[in-house]
PDB file of N, CA and C in Angstrom:
ATOM      1  N   LYS A   1       1.800 -20.462 -57.014  1.00  0.00           N
ATOM      2  CA  LYS A   1       2.640 -20.543 -55.960  1.00  0.00           C
ATOM      3  C   LYS A   1       2.599 -21.326 -54.908  1.00  0.00           C
ATOM      4  N   ASN A   2       3.879 -22.009 -54.719  1.00  0.00           N
ATOM      5  CA  ASN A   2       3.686 -22.913 -53.923  1.00  0.00           C
ATOM      6  C   ASN A   2       3.846 -22.442 -52.265  1.00  0.00           C
ATOM      7  N   LEU A   3       3.546 -23.570 -51.320  1.00  0.00           N
ATOM      8  CA  LEU A   3       3.681 -22.955 -49.994  1.00  0.00           C
ATOM      9  C   LEU A   3       4.871 -22.222 -49.568  1.00  0.00           C
ATOM     10  N   LYS A   4       5.828 -22.890 -49.838  1.00  0.00           N
ATOM     11  CA  LYS A   4       7.246 -22.134 -49.461  1.00  0.00           C
ATOM     12  C   LYS A   4       7.436 -20.590 -50.095  1.00  0.00           C
ATOM     13  N   GLN A   5       7.032 -20.351 -51.131  1.00  0.00           N
ATOM     14  CA  GLN A   5       6.789 -19.021 -51.802  1.00  0.00           C
ATOM     15  C   GLN A   5       5.916 -18.108 -50.930  1.00  0.00           C
ATOM     16  N   ILE A   6       4.801 -18.824 -50.766  1.00  0.00           N
ATOM     17  CA  ILE A   6       3.751 -17.954 -49.854  1.00  0.00           C
ATOM     18  C   ILE A   6       4.130 -17.655 -48.554  1.00  0.00           C
ATOM     19  N   LEU A   7       4.900 -18.445 -47.952  1.00  0.00           N
ATOM     20  CA  LEU A   7       5.400 -18.208 -46.594  1.00  0.00           C
ATOM     21  C   LEU A   7       6.821 -17.222 -46.694  1.00  0.00           C
ATOM     22  N   THR A   8       7.404 -17.434 -47.679  1.00  0.00           N
ATOM     23  CA  THR A   8       8.599 -16.256 -47.745  1.00  0.00           C
ATOM     24  C   THR A   8       8.021 -15.008 -47.924  1.00  0.00           C
ATOM     25  N   MET A   9       6.960 -14.973 -48.919  1.00  0.00           N
ATOM     26  CA  MET A   9       6.456 -13.593 -48.958  1.00  0.00           C
ATOM     27  C   MET A   9       5.724 -13.027 -47.675  1.00  0.00           C
ATOM     28  N   GLU A  10       5.035 -13.653 -47.223  1.00  0.00           N
ATOM     29  CA  GLU A  10       4.463 -13.403 -45.874  1.00  0.00           C
ATOM     30  C   GLU A  10       5.518 -12.741 -44.893  1.00  0.00           C
ATOM     31  N   ARG A  11       6.505 -13.628 -44.586  1.00  0.00           N
ATOM     32  CA  ARG A  11       8.015 -13.334 -43.917  1.00  0.00           C
ATOM     33  C   ARG A  11       8.749 -11.832 -44.214  1.00  0.00           C
ATOM     34  N   ASP A  12       8.631 -11.693 -45.580  1.00  0.00           N
ATOM     35  CA  ASP A  12       9.185 -10.558 -45.720  1.00  0.00           C
ATOM     36  C   ASP A  12       8.423  -9.129 -45.789  1.00  0.00           C
ATOM     37  N   LYS A  13       7.402  -9.159 -45.870  1.00  0.00           N
ATOM     38  CA  LYS A  13       6.402  -8.166 -45.730  1.00  0.00           C
ATOM     39  C   LYS A  13       6.805  -7.234 -44.608  1.00  0.00           C
ATOM     40  N   VAL A  14       6.536  -6.095 -44.912  1.00  0.00           N
ATOM     41  CA  VAL A  14       6.725  -5.137 -43.771  1.00  0.00           C
ATOM     42  C   VAL A  14       5.754  -4.455 -43.232  1.00  0.00           C
ATOM     43  N   TYR A  15       5.647  -4.469 -42.144  1.00  0.00           N
ATOM     44  CA  TYR A  15       4.244  -3.847 -41.420  1.00  0.00           C
ATOM     45  C   TYR A  15       4.752  -2.971 -40.543  1.00  0.00           C
ATOM     46  N   ALA A  16       3.603  -1.994 -40.623  1.00  0.00           N
ATOM     47  CA  ALA A  16       3.694  -0.715 -39.711  1.00  0.00           C
ATOM     48  C   ALA A  16       3.762  -1.100 -38.190  1.00  0.00           C
ATOM     49  N   LEU A  17       4.511  -0.286 -37.388  1.00  0.00           N
ATOM     50  CA  LEU A  17       4.328  -0.966 -35.896  1.00  0.00           C
ATOM     51  C   LEU A  17       3.138  -0.642 -35.185  1.00  0.00           C
ATOM     52  N   ASP A  18       2.241  -0.252 -35.724  1.00  0.00           N
ATOM     53  CA  ASP A  18       1.009  -0.147 -34.726  1.00  0.00           C
ATOM     54  C   ASP A  18       0.257  -1.219 -35.446  1.00  0.00           C
ATOM     55  N   VAL A  19       0.463  -1.906 -36.365  1.00  0.00           N
ATOM     56  CA  VAL A  19      -0.362  -3.137 -36.837  1.00  0.00           C
ATOM     57  C   VAL A  19      -0.213  -4.539 -36.148  1.00  0.00           C
ATOM     58  N   PRO A  20      -1.227  -4.790 -35.616  1.00  0.00           N
ATOM     59  CA  PRO A  20      -1.081  -5.970 -34.757  1.00  0.00           C
ATOM     60  C   PRO A  20      -0.898  -7.385 -35.413  1.00  0.00           C
ATOM     61  N   THR A  21       0.168  -7.777 -35.208  1.00  0.00           N
ATOM     62  CA  THR A  21       0.505  -9.150 -36.025  1.00  0.00           C
ATOM     63  C   THR A  21       0.970 -10.140 -35.094  1.00  0.00           C
ATOM     64  N   TYR A  22       1.254 -11.547 -35.508  1.00  0.00           N
ATOM     65  CA  TYR A  22       1.380 -12.564 -34.323  1.00  0.00           C
ATOM     66  C   TYR A  22       2.678 -12.226 -33.798  1.00  0.00           C
ATOM     67  N   GLU A  23       3.685 -11.513 -34.498  1.00  0.00           N
ATOM     68  CA  GLU A  23       5.071 -11.301 -33.558  1.00  0.00           C
ATOM     69  C   GLU A  23       4.791 -10.214 -32.827  1.00  0.00           C
ATOM     70  N   ASN A  24       3.840  -9.174 -33.253  1.00  0.00           N
ATOM     71  CA  ASN A  24       3.640  -7.944 -31.861  1.00  0.00           C
ATOM     72  C   ASN A  24       2.008  -7.713 -31.849  1.00  0.00           C
ATOM     73  N   ILE A  25       2.023  -8.309 -30.793  1.00  0.00           N
ATOM     74  CA  ILE A  25       0.273  -8.239 -30.284  1.00  0.00           C
ATOM     75  C   ILE A  25      -0.001  -6.962 -29.628  1.00  0.00           C
ATOM     76  N   GLU A  26       1.075  -6.123 -29.570  1.00  0.00           N
ATOM     77  CA  GLU A  26       0.484  -4.813 -28.730  1.00  0.00           C
ATOM     78  C   GLU A  26      -0.533  -4.111 -29.884  1.00  0.00           C
ATOM     79  N   CYS A  27      -1.541  -3.824 -29.132  1.00  0.00           N
ATOM     80  CA  CYS A  27      -2.513  -2.703 -30.073  1.00  0.00           C
ATOM     81  C   CYS A  27      -3.352  -2.106 -29.103  1.00  0.00           C
ATOM     82  N   ALA A  28      -4.100  -1.220 -29.379  1.00  0.00           N
ATOM     83  CA  ALA A  28      -4.964  -0.136 -28.479  1.00  0.00           C
ATOM     84  C   ALA A  28      -5.954  -0.926 -27.835  1.00  0.00           C
ATOM     85  N   PRO A  29      -6.273  -0.417 -26.853  1.00  0.00           N
ATOM     86  CA  PRO A  29      -7.367  -1.249 -26.041  1.00  0.00           C
ATOM     87  C   PRO A  29      -8.695  -1.248 -26.735  1.00  0.00           C
ATOM     88  N   SER A  30      -9.303  -2.187 -26.362  1.00  0.00           N
ATOM     89  CA  SER A  30     -10.682  -2.437 -27.146  1.00  0.00           C
ATOM     90  C   SER A  30     -11.622  -1.462 -27.091  1.00  0.00           C
ATOM     91  N   VAL A  31     -12.599  -0.812 -27.723  1.00  0.00           N
ATOM     92  CA  VAL A  31     -13.554   0.019 -27.680  1.00  0.00           C
ATOM     93  C   VAL A  31     -14.950  -0.706 -27.227  1.00  0.00           C
ATOM     94  N   LEU A  32     -15.059  -1.897 -27.055  1.00  0.00           N
ATOM     95  CA  LEU A  32     -16.212  -2.890 -26.500  1.00  0.00           C
ATOM     96  C   LEU A  32     -16.346  -2.871 -25.121  1.00  0.00           C
ATOM     97  N   PRO A  33     -17.182  -2.824 -24.654  1.00  0.00           N
ATOM     98  CA  PRO A  33     -17.456  -2.989 -23.257  1.00  0.00           C
ATOM     99  C   PRO A  33     -16.918  -4.244 -22.651  1.00  0.00           C
ATOM    100  N   GLN A  34     -16.292  -4.627 -21.305  1.00  0.00           N
ATOM    101  CA  GLN A  34     -15.918  -5.621 -21.194  1.00  0.00           C
ATOM    102  C   GLN A  34     -17.226  -6.551 -20.656  1.00  0.00           C
ATOM    103  N   LYS A  35     -17.007  -8.090 -20.983  1.00  0.00           N
ATOM    104  CA  LYS A  35     -18.456  -9.004 -20.847  1.00  0.00           C
ATOM    105  C   LYS A  35     -18.352  -9.148 -19.414  1.00  0.00           C
ATOM    106  N   LYS A  36     -19.485  -9.463 -19.013  1.00  0.00           N
ATOM    107  CA  LYS A  36     -19.568  -9.717 -17.392  1.00  0.00           C
ATOM    108  C   LYS A  36     -20.250 -11.101 -17.390  1.00  0.00           C
ATOM    109  N   TYR A  37     -19.670 -12.072 -16.793  1.00  0.00           N
ATOM    110  CA  TYR A  37     -20.282 -13.418 -16.656  1.00  0.00           C
ATOM    111  C   TYR A  37     -20.777 -14.002 -15.235  1.00  0.00           C
ATOM    112  N   CYS A  38     -21.742 -14.936 -15.197  1.00  0.00           N
ATOM    113  CA  CYS A  38     -22.423 -15.176 -13.876  1.00  0.00           C
ATOM    114  C   CYS A  38     -21.152 -15.779 -13.308  1.00  0.00           C
ATOM    115  N   ASP A  39     -20.996 -15.195 -11.821  1.00  0.00           N
ATOM    116  CA  ASP A  39     -20.105 -15.992 -10.841  1.00  0.00           C
ATOM    117  C   ASP A  39     -20.430 -17.285 -10.525  1.00  0.00           C
ATOM    118  N   ILE A  40     -21.549 -17.909 -10.646  1.00  0.00           N
ATOM    119  CA  ILE A  40     -21.992 -19.153 -10.373  1.00  0.00           C
ATOM    120  C   ILE A  40     -21.947 -20.296 -11.600  1.00  0.00           C
ATOM    121  N   THR A  41     -22.901 -19.742 -12.639  1.00  0.00           N
ATOM    122  CA  THR A  41     -22.719 -20.617 -14.145  1.00  0.00           C
ATOM    123  C   THR A  41     -21.783 -20.242 -14.982  1.00  0.00           C
ATOM    124  N   GLY A  42     -21.303 -19.247 -15.139  1.00  0.00           N
ATOM    125  CA  GLY A  42     -20.462 -18.786 -16.191  1.00  0.00           C
ATOM    126  C   GLY A  42     -20.905 -18.393 -17.083  1.00  0.00           C
ATOM    127  N   LEU A  43     -22.425 -18.119 -17.271  1.00  0.00           N
ATOM    128  CA  LEU A  43     -23.159 -17.597 -18.680  1.00  0.00           C
ATOM    129  C   LEU A  43     -23.077 -16.029 -18.484  1.00  0.00           C
ATOM    130  N   ASN A  44     -23.846 -15.684 -19.572  1.00  0.00           N
ATOM    131  CA  ASN A  44     -23.679 -13.997 -19.368  1.00  0.00           C
ATOM    132  C   ASN A  44     -24.430 -13.462 -18.365  1.00  0.00           C
ATOM    133  N   ALA A  45     -23.847 -12.520 -17.475  1.00  0.00           N
ATOM    134  CA  ALA A  45     -24.841 -12.137 -16.478  1.00  0.00           C
ATOM    135  C   ALA A  45     -25.366 -10.550 -16.755  1.00  0.00           C
ATOM    136  N   LYS A  46     -26.485 -10.825 -16.773  1.00  0.00           N
ATOM    137  CA  LYS A  46     -27.424  -9.686 -17.112  1.00  0.00           C
ATOM    138  C   LYS A  46     -27.578  -8.806 -15.831  1.00  0.00           C
ATOM    139  N   TYR A  47     -27.483  -9.576 -14.687  1.00  0.00           N
ATOM    140  CA  TYR A  47     -27.851  -8.494 -13.374  1.00  0.00           C
ATOM    141  C   TYR A  47     -26.460  -8.674 -12.457  1.00  0.00           C
ATOM    142  N   THR A  48     -26.692  -7.887 -11.323  1.00  0.00           N
ATOM    143  CA  THR A  48     -25.874  -7.921 -10.421  1.00  0.00           C
ATOM    144  C   THR A  48     -26.596  -7.767  -8.825  1.00  0.00           C
ATOM    145  N   ASP A  49     -26.365  -8.673  -8.263  1.00  0.00           N
ATOM    146  CA  ASP A  49     -27.026  -8.450  -6.684  1.00  0.00           C
ATOM    147  C   ASP A  49     -26.139  -7.407  -5.916  1.00  0.00           C
ATOM    148  N   PRO A  50     -26.922  -6.449  -5.538  1.00  0.00           N
ATOM    149  CA  PRO A  50     -26.525  -5.255  -4.810  1.00  0.00           C
ATOM    150  C   PRO A  50     -26.054  -5.404  -3.600  1.00  0.00           C
ATOM    151  N   LYS A  51     -26.531  -6.428  -2.830  1.00  0.00           N
ATOM    152  CA  LYS A  51     -26.125  -6.814  -1.442  1.00  0.00           C
ATOM    153  C   LYS A  51     -24.614  -7.240  -1.450  1.00  0.00           C
ATOM    154  N   THR A  52     -24.559  -8.309  -2.340  1.00  0.00           N
ATOM    155  CA  THR A  52     -23.535  -9.157  -2.402  1.00  0.00           C
ATOM    156  C   THR A  52     -22.235  -8.818  -3.434  1.00  0.00           C
ATOM    157  N   GLY A  53     -22.849  -8.301  -4.528  1.00  0.00           N
ATOM    158  CA  GLY A  53     -21.664  -7.714  -5.682  1.00  0.00           C
ATOM    159  C   GLY A  53     -21.695  -8.912  -6.575  1.00  0.00           C
ATOM    160  N   LEU A  54     -22.546 -10.158  -6.442  1.00  0.00           N
ATOM    161  CA  LEU A  54     -22.196 -11.167  -7.381  1.00  0.00           C
ATOM    162  C   LEU A  54     -23.081 -11.026  -8.451  1.00  0.00           C
ATOM    163  N   ARG A  55     -22.600 -11.321  -9.749  1.00  0.00           N
ATOM    164  CA  ARG A  55     -23.250 -11.236 -10.870  1.00  0.00           C
ATOM    165  C   ARG A  55     -23.982 -12.465 -11.284  1.00  0.00           C
ATOM    166  N   TYR A  56     -25.359 -12.648 -11.724  1.00  0.00           N
ATOM    167  CA  TYR A  56     -26.144 -13.924 -11.816  1.00  0.00           C
ATOM    168  C   TYR A  56     -26.889 -13.570 -13.279  1.00  0.00           C
ATOM    169  N   HIS A  57     -27.232 -14.809 -13.720  1.00  0.00           N
ATOM    170  CA  HIS A  57     -27.786 -14.894 -15.131  1.00  0.00           C
ATOM    171  C   HIS A  57     -29.416 -14.653 -14.976  1.00  0.00           C
ATOM    172  N   ASN A  58     -30.022 -15.273 -14.135  1.00  0.00           N
ATOM    173  CA  ASN A  58     -31.334 -15.198 -13.926  1.00  0.00           C
ATOM    174  C   ASN A  58     -32.046 -15.479 -12.423  1.00  0.00           C
ATOM    175  N   ALA A  59     -33.302 -15.414 -12.581  1.00  0.00           N
ATOM    176  CA  ALA A  59     -33.661 -15.587 -11.060  1.00  0.00           C
ATOM    177  C   ALA A  59     -33.730 -16.821 -10.167  1.00  0.00           C
ATOM    178  N   GLU A  60     -33.541 -17.919 -10.783  1.00  0.00           N
ATOM    179  CA  GLU A  60     -33.085 -19.063 -10.390  1.00  0.00           C
ATOM    180  C   GLU A  60     -31.556 -18.883  -9.608  1.00  0.00           C
ATOM    181  N   ILE A  61     -30.929 -18.570 -10.277  1.00  0.00           N
ATOM    182  CA  ILE A  61     -29.496 -17.997  -9.579  1.00  0.00           C
ATOM    183  C   ILE A  61     -29.264 -17.201  -8.640  1.00  0.00           C
ATOM    184  N   TYR A  62     -30.283 -16.190  -8.648  1.00  0.00           N
ATOM    185  CA  TYR A  62     -30.451 -15.002  -7.576  1.00  0.00           C
ATOM    186  C   TYR A  62     -31.021 -15.830  -6.303  1.00  0.00           C
ATOM    187  N   GLN A  63     -31.927 -16.838  -6.609  1.00  0.00           N
ATOM    188  CA  GLN A  63     -32.406 -17.431  -5.375  1.00  0.00           C
ATOM    189  C   GLN A  63     -31.310 -18.213  -4.764  1.00  0.00           C
ATOM    190  N   PHE A  64     -30.328 -18.894  -5.829  1.00  0.00           N
ATOM    191  CA  PHE A  64     -29.494 -19.662  -4.915  1.00  0.00           C
ATOM    192  C   PHE A  64     -28.165 -18.680  -4.312  1.00  0.00           C
ATOM    193  N   ILE A  65     -28.088 -17.359  -4.858  1.00  0.00           N
ATOM    194  CA  ILE A  65     -27.512 -16.433  -4.016  1.00  0.00           C
ATOM    195  C   ILE A  65     -27.652 -16.120  -2.935  1.00  0.00           C
ATOM    196  N   ARG A  66     -29.233 -15.782  -2.403  1.00  0.00           N
ATOM    197  CA  ARG A  66     -29.921 -15.540  -1.412  1.00  0.00           C
ATOM    198  C   ARG A  66     -29.479 -16.576  -0.147  1.00  0.00           C
ATOM    199  N   THR A  67     -29.067 -17.668  -0.702  1.00  0.00           N
ATOM    200  CA  THR A  67     -29.179 -18.840   0.456  1.00  0.00           C
ATOM    201  C   THR A  67     -27.675 -18.955   0.559  1.00  0.00           C
ATOM    202  N   LEU A  68     -26.656 -18.251  -0.046  1.00  0.00           N
ATOM    203  CA  LEU A  68     -25.206 -18.426   0.406  1.00  0.00           C
ATOM    204  C   LEU A  68     -24.733 -17.442   1.510  1.00  0.00           C
ATOM    205  N   GLY A  69     -23.913 -18.100   2.296  1.00  0.00           N
ATOM    206  CA  GLY A  69     -23.354 -17.454   3.374  1.00  0.00           C
ATOM    207  C   GLY A  69     -22.260 -16.450   3.057  1.00  0.00           C
ATOM    208  N   VAL A  70     -21.815 -15.845   3.838  1.00  0.00           N
ATOM    209  CA  VAL A  70     -20.625 -14.524   3.582  1.00  0.00           C
ATOM    210  C   VAL A  70     -19.352 -15.429   3.243  1.00  0.00           C
ATOM    211  N   PRO A  71     -19.137 -16.210   4.010  1.00  0.00           N
ATOM    212  CA  PRO A  71     -17.836 -17.165   3.463  1.00  0.00           C
ATOM    213  C   PRO A  71     -17.903 -17.633   1.966  1.00  0.00           C
ATOM    214  N   ASN A  72     -19.034 -17.842   1.316  1.00  0.00           N
ATOM    215  CA  ASN A  72     -19.144 -18.598   0.223  1.00  0.00           C
ATOM    216  C   ASN A  72     -19.340 -17.482  -0.705  1.00  0.00           C
ATOM    217  N   VAL A  73     -19.954 -16.353  -0.355  1.00  0.00           N
ATOM    218  CA  VAL A  73     -19.885 -15.047  -1.309  1.00  0.00           C
ATOM    219  C   VAL A  73     -18.704 -14.621  -1.467  1.00  0.00           C
ATOM    220  N   GLN A  74     -17.831 -14.459  -0.458  1.00  0.00           N
ATOM    221  CA  GLN A  74     -16.298 -14.066  -0.470  1.00  0.00           C
ATOM    222  C   GLN A  74     -15.547 -15.008  -1.354  1.00  0.00           C
ATOM    223  N   ALA A  75     -15.786 -16.075  -1.353  1.00  0.00           N
ATOM    224  CA  ALA A  75     -14.809 -17.266  -2.194  1.00  0.00           C
ATOM    225  C   ALA A  75     -15.115 -17.038  -3.761  1.00  0.00           C
ATOM    226  N   TYR A  76     -16.616 -16.739  -4.120  1.00  0.00           N
ATOM    227  CA  TYR A  76     -16.836 -16.348  -5.494  1.00  0.00           C
ATOM    228  C   TYR A  76     -16.414 -14.983  -5.779  1.00  0.00           C
ATOM    229  N   LEU A  77     -16.633 -14.050  -5.036  1.00  0.00           N
ATOM    230  CA  LEU A  77     -15.876 -12.731  -5.486  1.00  0.00           C
ATOM    231  C   LEU A  77     -14.326 -12.776  -5.461  1.00  0.00           C
ATOM    232  N   ALA A  78     -13.880 -13.775  -4.414  1.00  0.00           N
ATOM    233  CA  ALA A  78     -12.192 -13.814  -4.852  1.00  0.00           C
ATOM    234  C   ALA A  78     -11.887 -14.839  -6.206  1.00  0.00           C
ATOM    235  N   SER A  79     -12.734 -15.343  -6.696  1.00  0.00           N
ATOM    236  CA  SER A  79     -12.454 -15.913  -7.850  1.00  0.00           C
ATOM    237  C   SER A  79     -12.258 -15.037  -9.144  1.00  0.00           C
ATOM    238  N   ARG A  80     -13.089 -13.989  -8.906  1.00  0.00           N
ATOM    239  CA  ARG A  80     -12.767 -13.055 -10.047  1.00  0.00           C
ATOM    240  C   ARG A  80     -11.878 -11.719  -9.758  1.00  0.00           C
ATOM    241  N   ASN A  81     -11.369 -12.008  -8.610  1.00  0.00           N
ATOM    242  CA  ASN A  81     -10.427 -10.793  -8.041  1.00  0.00           C
ATOM    243  C   ASN A  81     -11.463  -9.632  -7.492  1.00  0.00           C
ATOM    244  N   ALA A  82     -12.504  -9.678  -7.029  1.00  0.00           N
ATOM    245  CA  ALA A  82     -13.503  -8.741  -6.657  1.00  0.00           C
ATOM    246  C   ALA A  82     -13.787  -8.884  -5.242  1.00  0.00           C
ATOM    247  N   ALA A  83     -12.919  -9.339  -4.611  1.00  0.00           N
ATOM    248  CA  ALA A  83     -13.402  -9.565  -3.185  1.00  0.00           C
ATOM    249  C   ALA A  83     -13.492  -8.390  -2.366  1.00  0.00           C
ATOM    250  N   VAL A  84     -14.598  -8.133  -1.551  1.00  0.00           N
ATOM    251  CA  VAL A  84     -14.705  -7.009  -0.716  1.00  0.00           C
ATOM    252  C   VAL A  84     -15.184  -7.556   0.543  1.00  0.00           C
ATOM    253  N   VAL A  85     -15.167  -6.874   1.714  1.00  0.00           N
ATOM    254  CA  VAL A  85     -15.779  -7.245   2.703  1.00  0.00           C
ATOM    255  C   VAL A  85     -17.091  -6.739   3.198  1.00  0.00           C
ATOM    256  N   LEU A  86     -17.828  -7.868   3.221  1.00  0.00           N
ATOM    257  CA  LEU A  86     -19.183  -7.538   3.396  1.00  0.00           C
ATOM    258  C   LEU A  86     -19.724  -7.293   4.787  1.00  0.00           C
ATOM    259  N   LYS A  87     -20.915  -6.532   4.812  1.00  0.00           N
ATOM    260  CA  LYS A  87     -21.165  -6.105   6.339  1.00  0.00           C
ATOM    261  C   LYS A  87     -22.171  -7.110   6.676  1.00  0.00           C
TER     262      LYS A  87
END
């Protein structure tokens, strides 16, 4: 079969409404947990600082977070839409 025949067959297929396709991207929510990324580096975040709420990848990043001022912490939290008022 040539490409034109294959494309015609794909276009003419009838899918159920609950099957996600390129034309219908609505599907059930994922059952996997949402991934958490480090606010500083963008790597996978294994830890969360209880005082600031920032997520971090390792101890080196944690030491950096401890040196940040409140405005900087607020900026990092705002970048992931998690801004809270720190005391």
